Amino acid sequence: MSDTSVSPDLRGIWRGARIPLALLLLIVLTGLALVLSRGEQTSGELEPGSYEPDGSHALARLLGRQGVDIHPAHTISEATDQADGGTLLVTAPDLVPGTGLTELRRRVAHLVLIAPGPDALRQVLPSLSAAGSGEVRTLNPDCTVGSAVAAGPATLGGMRYRTTDPSARSCYRDGADPTFVQFADRTGTVTVLGTAAPLTNDRLADEGDAALGLRLLGDHGRLVWYLPSPVDPALETAKKPFFDLIPAGWRYGALMAGFAVVLLALWRARRLGPVVREPLPIVVRAAETAEGRARLYRRGGASGHAAETLREAARGRLRSRLGLPREAEPASLVETVSARAGRAPAEVGAVLHGPPPADEAGLVRLAGELDRVEREVERS
């Protein structure tokens, strides 16, 4: 028998894993093919090129068919450069850095804000304040704003607002507070929506959402679609170190807690006293351990158990030397050992798998036979 052989363990692993690996490779290749076939796409909430449920590709396409020229922007510098009259949609006003909203309002004829918070409102509409939030659902316009009247019932709600400006026109009330507010003066028009739901792909076909989006964003031939981002380079100057964001009271409390921990450690260390050296456990040599175990077997008359322990150890060494797996059948091991040692299979089987010896003399003879079989296999 040849000394060099391929381990059956590796072949068994490959046979078991090749089908799952092939399926995984097929899934990956199919996904790549689908992505490549669809071409370059964008993703993200209210992205005009996104096909996702919260994207706005459907509305952007309808606006394009009406002749509206859409200019996406993701930073304040892009929005400022492109805002030159027309309409400006700001999807996340609270992320606009600095006083960017104030500058943008001066550059456009119609500014549309989606769910602005208190900071954004202070820049653009000081007379408008947030009044909480509610459920997004179908609401009736109940106002005289042309885009709302033409759209009729639409999916609105979300942020509710209150205003002290008598010239403000309020629509789509959720209870007593509107979720659509529009201001118009000589500098232009500002419209506030409490939610972006009517502009998304998922809701565009509901009620009058499409009509509302088209009339609101298509009133001019140029539309700047500004999606503020937390990674806008303009925000780098406004970032503060982490330590500065921690309130002073928390810093003082952490300092006092640190002092308390140090004092507690000093008190406990003094109370427990100096470190005491402990001697290492006694080291017992392997030969002494084996001898003690043998005495236990002898005292208990466990010749059969000791014989099986010797046989299992010998079988393990033979399987390893012959390149056989641990789960190899006894018959396979006997045949392989017989072929290598030049002995009869019955003789080898009696040594490796025979009955337990009746006494200590039989145990000694078995140990000698096992050693001879291993030496014969090693010499072959």
Protein backbone atom coordinates (compact mmCIF):
# COMPACT_ATOMS: atom_id res chain seq x y z
CA MET A 1 0.00 0.00 0.00
CA SER A 2 1.35 3.46 -0.91
CA ASP A 3 2.47 5.74 1.94
CA THR A 4 1.14 8.85 0.17
CA SER A 5 -2.64 9.31 0.09
CA VAL A 6 -5.13 12.15 -0.03
CA SER A 7 -6.95 12.58 3.28
CA PRO A 8 -10.56 11.35 3.03
CA ASP A 9 -11.56 14.15 5.42
CA LEU A 10 -10.85 16.77 2.78
CA ARG A 11 -12.71 14.82 0.12
CA GLY A 12 -15.68 14.40 2.43
CA ILE A 13 -15.75 18.12 3.24
CA TRP A 14 -15.62 18.99 -0.46
CA ARG A 15 -18.39 16.53 -1.35
CA GLY A 16 -20.63 17.98 1.36
CA ALA A 17 -19.90 21.65 0.61
CA ARG A 18 -19.76 21.75 -3.18
CA ILE A 19 -23.53 21.93 -3.71
CA PRO A 20 -24.10 24.84 -1.20
CA LEU A 21 -21.06 26.66 -2.66
CA ALA A 22 -22.41 26.22 -6.18
CA LEU A 23 -25.81 27.60 -5.12
CA LEU A 24 -24.15 30.56 -3.37
CA LEU A 25 -22.07 31.30 -6.47
CA LEU A 26 -25.19 31.13 -8.62
CA ILE A 27 -27.01 33.59 -6.35
CA VAL A 28 -24.07 36.03 -6.42
CA LEU A 29 -23.77 35.87 -10.21
CA THR A 30 -27.53 36.35 -10.62
CA GLY A 31 -27.45 39.39 -8.33
CA LEU A 32 -24.54 40.90 -10.25
CA ALA A 33 -26.34 40.32 -13.53
CA LEU A 34 -29.50 42.03 -12.24
CA VAL A 35 -27.54 45.01 -10.92
CA LEU A 36 -25.59 45.43 -14.14
CA SER A 37 -28.71 45.05 -16.27
CA ARG A 38 -30.50 47.84 -14.39
CA GLY A 39 -27.65 50.25 -14.94
CA GLU A 40 -26.57 53.05 -12.60
CA GLN A 41 -29.17 53.92 -9.97
CA THR A 42 -29.38 55.93 -6.80
CA SER A 43 -30.99 54.99 -3.53
CA GLY A 44 -32.16 56.82 -0.46
CA GLU A 45 -35.19 58.57 0.93
CA LEU A 46 -36.72 61.14 -1.46
CA GLU A 47 -33.88 60.67 -3.97
CA PRO A 48 -35.25 61.70 -7.39
CA GLY A 49 -33.45 58.75 -9.02
CA SER A 50 -34.44 56.10 -6.45
CA TYR A 51 -36.90 53.31 -7.30
CA GLU A 52 -37.26 52.32 -3.64
CA PRO A 53 -40.63 52.80 -1.87
CA ASP A 54 -39.38 55.92 -0.04
CA GLY A 55 -37.64 57.27 -3.17
CA SER A 56 -39.11 59.84 -5.56
CA HIS A 57 -38.24 58.59 -9.04
CA ALA A 58 -41.90 58.41 -10.12
CA LEU A 59 -42.59 62.04 -9.19
CA ALA A 60 -39.34 63.24 -10.77
CA ARG A 61 -40.23 61.45 -13.99
CA LEU A 62 -43.69 63.03 -14.08
CA LEU A 63 -42.19 66.46 -13.50
CA GLY A 64 -39.69 65.88 -16.30
CA ARG A 65 -42.51 65.00 -18.69
CA GLN A 66 -44.11 68.36 -17.84
CA GLY A 67 -40.92 70.15 -18.86
CA VAL A 68 -39.52 70.79 -15.37
CA ASP A 69 -35.71 70.83 -15.32
CA ILE A 70 -34.61 69.01 -12.13
CA HIS A 71 -31.20 69.69 -10.56
CA PRO A 72 -30.32 67.36 -7.63
CA ALA A 73 -28.03 68.77 -4.92
CA HIS A 74 -26.55 67.08 -1.83
CA THR A 75 -24.43 69.85 -0.32
CA ILE A 76 -25.15 73.47 0.59
CA SER A 77 -22.59 74.68 -1.95
CA GLU A 78 -24.30 72.74 -4.77
CA ALA A 79 -27.72 74.03 -3.72
CA THR A 80 -26.48 77.62 -3.50
CA ASP A 81 -24.80 77.45 -6.92
CA GLN A 82 -27.88 75.99 -8.62
CA ALA A 83 -30.56 78.02 -6.82
CA ASP A 84 -31.30 80.74 -9.37
CA GLY A 85 -35.02 81.47 -9.38
CA GLY A 86 -37.56 78.70 -9.77
CA THR A 87 -38.47 76.21 -7.02
CA LEU A 88 -36.23 74.75 -4.32
CA LEU A 89 -37.24 71.58 -2.45
CA VAL A 90 -35.37 70.96 0.83
CA THR A 91 -36.04 67.41 2.02
CA ALA A 92 -34.36 67.73 5.46
CA PRO A 93 -34.21 71.40 6.49
CA ASP A 94 -32.76 70.64 9.92
CA LEU A 95 -29.56 69.30 8.28
CA VAL A 96 -28.84 72.50 6.33
CA PRO A 97 -25.63 73.92 7.85
CA GLY A 98 -25.42 77.37 9.37
CA THR A 99 -27.74 80.02 7.99
CA GLY A 100 -27.98 78.30 4.63
CA LEU A 101 -31.80 78.36 4.54
CA THR A 102 -31.85 82.15 4.86
CA GLU A 103 -29.51 82.50 1.88
CA LEU A 104 -31.41 79.93 -0.17
CA ARG A 105 -34.75 81.64 0.35
CA ARG A 106 -33.41 84.85 -1.16
CA ARG A 107 -32.30 82.98 -4.30
CA VAL A 108 -35.54 81.21 -5.29
CA ALA A 109 -39.13 82.12 -6.03
CA HIS A 110 -40.67 79.16 -4.22
CA LEU A 111 -39.12 77.35 -1.25
CA VAL A 112 -40.65 74.01 -0.19
CA LEU A 113 -39.62 72.59 3.22
CA ILE A 114 -40.35 69.04 4.40
CA ALA A 115 -41.08 68.75 8.14
CA PRO A 116 -38.78 71.58 9.34
CA GLY A 117 -37.91 71.72 13.03
CA PRO A 118 -37.65 74.76 15.35
CA ASP A 119 -34.13 75.79 14.25
CA ALA A 120 -35.03 75.77 10.55
CA LEU A 121 -38.27 77.64 11.19
CA ARG A 122 -36.47 80.39 13.11
CA GLN A 123 -34.36 81.15 10.04
CA VAL A 124 -37.11 81.22 7.44
CA LEU A 125 -40.50 81.57 9.19
CA PRO A 126 -40.17 82.98 12.71
CA SER A 127 -43.97 83.25 13.01
CA LEU A 128 -44.41 79.48 12.51
CA SER A 129 -43.81 76.94 15.28
CA ALA A 130 -44.08 73.17 15.57
CA ALA A 131 -47.07 71.84 17.49
CA GLY A 132 -46.18 68.15 17.78
CA SER A 133 -46.63 65.27 15.38
CA GLY A 134 -49.48 63.00 14.40
CA GLU A 135 -50.41 60.09 12.18
CA VAL A 136 -49.80 60.21 8.43
CA ARG A 137 -53.16 59.57 6.77
CA THR A 138 -55.58 60.93 4.18
CA LEU A 139 -56.68 64.51 4.99
CA ASN A 140 -58.89 67.04 3.22
CA PRO A 141 -57.43 70.40 2.17
CA ASP A 142 -60.13 72.75 3.58
CA CYS A 143 -58.29 75.83 2.31
CA THR A 144 -57.94 78.12 -0.71
CA VAL A 145 -54.38 77.23 -1.80
CA GLY A 146 -54.59 76.41 -5.53
CA SER A 147 -52.33 73.33 -5.45
CA ALA A 148 -54.21 71.86 -2.46
CA VAL A 149 -57.66 72.58 -3.89
CA ALA A 150 -56.72 70.97 -7.22
CA ALA A 151 -55.27 67.92 -5.50
CA GLY A 152 -58.14 67.37 -3.08
CA PRO A 153 -57.68 64.73 -0.36
CA ALA A 154 -54.02 63.73 0.01
CA THR A 155 -51.72 61.74 2.27
CA LEU A 156 -50.49 64.23 4.83
CA GLY A 157 -50.12 64.58 8.59
CA GLY A 158 -46.84 64.12 10.40
CA MET A 159 -45.61 67.42 11.86
CA ARG A 160 -48.31 69.91 12.88
CA TYR A 161 -47.73 73.66 12.97
CA ARG A 162 -49.13 76.85 14.46
CA THR A 163 -48.66 80.39 13.19
CA THR A 164 -49.30 83.92 14.39
CA ASP A 165 -49.19 85.36 10.86
CA PRO A 166 -52.72 86.15 9.63
CA SER A 167 -51.57 86.04 6.01
CA ALA A 168 -50.53 82.38 6.27
CA ARG A 169 -52.76 79.89 4.47
CA SER A 170 -53.27 76.63 6.33
CA CYS A 171 -54.40 73.31 4.79
CA TYR A 172 -54.82 69.65 5.62
CA ARG A 173 -55.54 70.12 9.31
CA ASP A 174 -54.90 67.32 11.77
CA GLY A 175 -57.33 68.33 14.47
CA ALA A 176 -56.95 72.07 14.96
CA ASP A 177 -53.41 72.38 13.56
CA PRO A 178 -52.44 72.35 9.86
CA THR A 179 -49.85 70.06 8.31
CA PHE A 180 -49.55 72.22 5.18
CA VAL A 181 -48.80 75.95 5.56
CA GLN A 182 -47.98 78.43 2.79
CA PHE A 183 -46.63 81.98 3.08
CA ALA A 184 -46.42 84.41 0.15
CA ASP A 185 -44.92 87.91 0.10
CA ARG A 186 -42.93 90.09 -2.25
CA THR A 187 -39.77 88.01 -1.75
CA GLY A 188 -41.44 84.76 -2.83
CA THR A 189 -43.43 81.81 -1.54
CA VAL A 190 -42.59 79.37 1.24
CA THR A 191 -44.53 76.11 1.63
CA VAL A 192 -44.16 73.81 4.63
CA LEU A 193 -45.25 70.14 4.52
CA GLY A 194 -45.53 68.06 7.68
CA THR A 195 -44.45 64.86 5.89
CA ALA A 196 -42.76 63.73 2.68
CA ALA A 197 -45.25 60.86 2.18
CA PRO A 198 -47.14 62.34 -0.82
CA LEU A 199 -43.86 62.72 -2.75
CA THR A 200 -42.69 59.10 -2.41
CA ASN A 201 -43.02 56.25 -4.89
CA ASP A 202 -45.03 54.24 -2.37
CA ARG A 203 -47.75 56.88 -1.89
CA LEU A 204 -47.75 58.77 -5.20
CA ALA A 205 -50.73 56.83 -6.59
CA ASP A 206 -52.84 57.38 -3.43
CA GLU A 207 -55.60 59.97 -3.39
CA GLY A 208 -54.42 63.31 -4.83
CA ASP A 209 -50.74 62.87 -3.94
CA ALA A 210 -49.50 62.99 -7.54
CA ALA A 211 -51.51 66.14 -8.30
CA LEU A 212 -50.26 67.81 -5.13
CA GLY A 213 -46.63 67.00 -5.91
CA LEU A 214 -46.88 68.12 -9.54
CA ARG A 215 -48.57 71.44 -8.74
CA LEU A 216 -46.37 72.14 -5.73
CA LEU A 217 -43.00 71.41 -7.38
CA GLY A 218 -43.89 72.08 -11.00
CA ASP A 219 -45.02 75.71 -10.69
CA HIS A 220 -41.69 76.82 -12.27
CA GLY A 221 -39.62 75.38 -15.09
CA ARG A 222 -36.56 74.93 -12.84
CA LEU A 223 -36.51 72.74 -9.72
CA VAL A 224 -33.52 72.35 -7.41
CA TRP A 225 -33.97 69.10 -5.45
CA TYR A 226 -31.79 69.59 -2.34
CA LEU A 227 -31.18 66.53 -0.12
CA PRO A 228 -29.08 67.77 2.84
CA SER A 229 -26.57 65.23 4.11
CA PRO A 230 -24.83 64.83 7.48
CA VAL A 231 -21.55 64.36 5.57
CA ASP A 232 -21.72 67.78 3.93
CA PRO A 233 -18.18 69.28 4.10
CA ALA A 234 -19.73 72.55 5.28
CA LEU A 235 -20.66 70.83 8.55
CA GLU A 236 -17.01 70.13 9.41
CA THR A 237 -16.53 73.65 10.77
CA ALA A 238 -19.59 73.26 13.00
CA LYS A 239 -18.45 70.02 14.59
CA LYS A 240 -17.31 70.11 18.22
CA PRO A 241 -14.98 67.76 20.08
CA PHE A 242 -16.73 65.02 22.02
CA PHE A 243 -15.53 66.46 25.34
CA ASP A 244 -17.23 69.79 24.58
CA LEU A 245 -20.56 68.04 24.02
CA ILE A 246 -20.60 66.64 27.58
CA PRO A 247 -22.49 68.97 29.97
CA ALA A 248 -20.39 70.57 32.70
CA GLY A 249 -22.40 68.84 35.43
CA TRP A 250 -21.65 65.42 33.93
CA ARG A 251 -17.94 66.20 33.77
CA TYR A 252 -17.91 67.27 37.42
CA GLY A 253 -19.85 64.15 38.42
CA ALA A 254 -17.41 61.89 36.52
CA LEU A 255 -14.46 63.58 38.26
CA MET A 256 -16.02 63.07 41.72
CA ALA A 257 -16.81 59.44 40.87
CA GLY A 258 -13.17 58.92 39.86
CA PHE A 259 -11.96 60.33 43.20
CA ALA A 260 -14.38 58.05 45.04
CA VAL A 261 -13.12 54.97 43.18
CA VAL A 262 -9.49 55.84 44.00
CA LEU A 263 -10.28 56.38 47.70
CA LEU A 264 -12.22 53.11 47.84
CA ALA A 265 -9.31 51.23 46.24
CA LEU A 266 -6.84 52.74 48.74
CA TRP A 267 -9.11 51.87 51.69
CA ARG A 268 -9.61 48.29 50.59
CA ALA A 269 -5.91 47.80 49.82
CA ARG A 270 -4.89 48.99 53.31
CA ARG A 271 -7.52 46.79 54.94
CA LEU A 272 -6.48 43.61 53.12
CA GLY A 273 -2.79 44.08 53.89
CA PRO A 274 0.25 43.22 51.76
CA VAL A 275 0.21 40.67 48.99
CA VAL A 276 0.92 37.13 50.22
CA ARG A 277 2.93 34.80 48.00
CA GLU A 278 1.32 31.41 47.51
CA PRO A 279 3.43 28.35 46.63
CA LEU A 280 2.77 26.71 43.32
CA PRO A 281 0.88 23.38 43.19
CA ILE A 282 2.99 20.22 43.28
CA VAL A 283 4.11 19.11 39.81
CA VAL A 284 3.41 15.41 39.19
CA ARG A 285 5.36 13.71 36.39
CA ALA A 286 3.39 11.93 33.66
CA ALA A 287 4.98 8.56 34.48
CA GLU A 288 3.82 8.78 38.07
CA THR A 289 0.29 9.67 36.90
CA ALA A 290 0.19 6.63 34.58
CA GLU A 291 1.52 4.38 37.34
CA GLY A 292 -1.08 5.59 39.81
CA ARG A 293 -3.88 5.01 37.32
CA ALA A 294 -2.58 1.48 36.66
CA ARG A 295 -2.65 0.74 40.40
CA LEU A 296 -6.30 1.85 40.50
CA TYR A 297 -7.15 -0.50 37.61
CA ARG A 298 -5.31 -3.35 39.35
CA ARG A 299 -6.99 -2.71 42.69
CA GLY A 300 -10.41 -2.73 41.04
CA GLY A 301 -9.68 -5.81 38.93
CA ALA A 302 -10.50 -3.82 35.77
CA SER A 303 -8.35 -5.83 33.34
CA GLY A 304 -11.02 -5.60 30.63
CA HIS A 305 -11.29 -1.81 30.93
CA ALA A 306 -7.49 -1.42 30.89
CA ALA A 307 -7.29 -3.68 27.81
CA GLU A 308 -9.89 -1.62 25.93
CA THR A 309 -7.98 1.57 26.80
CA LEU A 310 -4.75 0.07 25.36
CA ARG A 311 -6.56 -1.15 22.24
CA GLU A 312 -8.28 2.20 21.60
CA ALA A 313 -4.95 4.05 21.91
CA ALA A 314 -3.29 1.57 19.52
CA ARG A 315 -6.16 1.80 17.03
CA GLY A 316 -5.94 5.59 17.10
CA ARG A 317 -2.20 5.55 16.39
CA LEU A 318 -2.65 3.03 13.58
CA ARG A 319 -5.45 5.05 11.93
CA SER A 320 -3.30 8.16 12.04
CA ARG A 321 -0.25 6.33 10.62
CA LEU A 322 -2.29 4.69 7.83
CA GLY A 323 -4.20 7.85 6.86
CA LEU A 324 -7.60 6.48 7.87
CA PRO A 325 -10.38 8.68 9.29
CA ARG A 326 -11.49 8.37 12.92
CA GLU A 327 -14.86 7.01 11.81
CA ALA A 328 -13.28 4.19 9.74
CA GLU A 329 -15.03 0.84 10.17
CA PRO A 330 -13.22 -1.84 12.28
CA ALA A 331 -13.13 -4.19 9.29
CA SER A 332 -11.43 -1.51 7.16
CA LEU A 333 -8.78 -0.95 9.84
CA VAL A 334 -8.15 -4.70 10.25
CA GLU A 335 -7.75 -5.24 6.49
CA THR A 336 -5.38 -2.28 6.09
CA VAL A 337 -3.23 -3.32 9.08
CA SER A 338 -3.19 -6.93 7.88
CA ALA A 339 -1.98 -5.89 4.42
CA ARG A 340 0.76 -3.66 5.85
CA ALA A 341 1.94 -6.03 8.63
CA GLY A 342 1.72 -9.25 6.56
CA ARG A 343 -0.52 -10.98 9.09
CA ALA A 344 -3.78 -12.82 8.69
CA PRO A 345 -6.87 -10.62 9.16
CA ALA A 346 -8.23 -12.97 11.85
CA GLU A 347 -5.02 -12.62 13.85
CA VAL A 348 -5.01 -8.81 13.58
CA GLY A 349 -8.71 -8.67 14.45
CA ALA A 350 -8.15 -10.72 17.58
CA VAL A 351 -5.43 -8.32 18.73
CA LEU A 352 -7.33 -5.08 17.96
CA HIS A 353 -10.93 -6.11 18.64
CA GLY A 354 -10.73 -9.44 20.52
CA PRO A 355 -12.33 -10.35 23.84
CA PRO A 356 -10.96 -8.82 27.05
CA PRO A 357 -8.19 -10.77 28.82
CA ALA A 358 -9.17 -12.90 31.77
CA ASP A 359 -6.30 -11.90 34.06
CA GLU A 360 -3.26 -9.65 34.40
CA ALA A 361 -1.04 -12.06 32.51
CA GLY A 362 -3.39 -11.88 29.54
CA LEU A 363 -3.32 -8.07 29.78
CA VAL A 364 0.49 -8.10 29.62
CA ARG A 365 0.44 -10.44 26.59
CA LEU A 366 -2.10 -8.16 24.85
CA ALA A 367 0.10 -5.11 25.41
CA GLY A 368 3.04 -6.94 23.84
CA GLU A 369 0.96 -8.01 20.84
CA LEU A 370 -0.26 -4.45 20.26
CA ASP A 371 3.32 -3.15 20.35
CA ARG A 372 4.44 -5.81 17.83
CA VAL A 373 1.60 -4.97 15.42
CA GLU A 374 2.45 -1.26 15.55
CA ARG A 375 6.16 -1.94 14.94
CA GLU A 376 5.37 -4.21 11.98
CA VAL A 377 3.15 -1.55 10.41
CA GLU A 378 5.78 1.12 10.99
CA ARG A 379 8.55 -1.00 9.38
CA SER A 380 6.45 -1.90 6.29
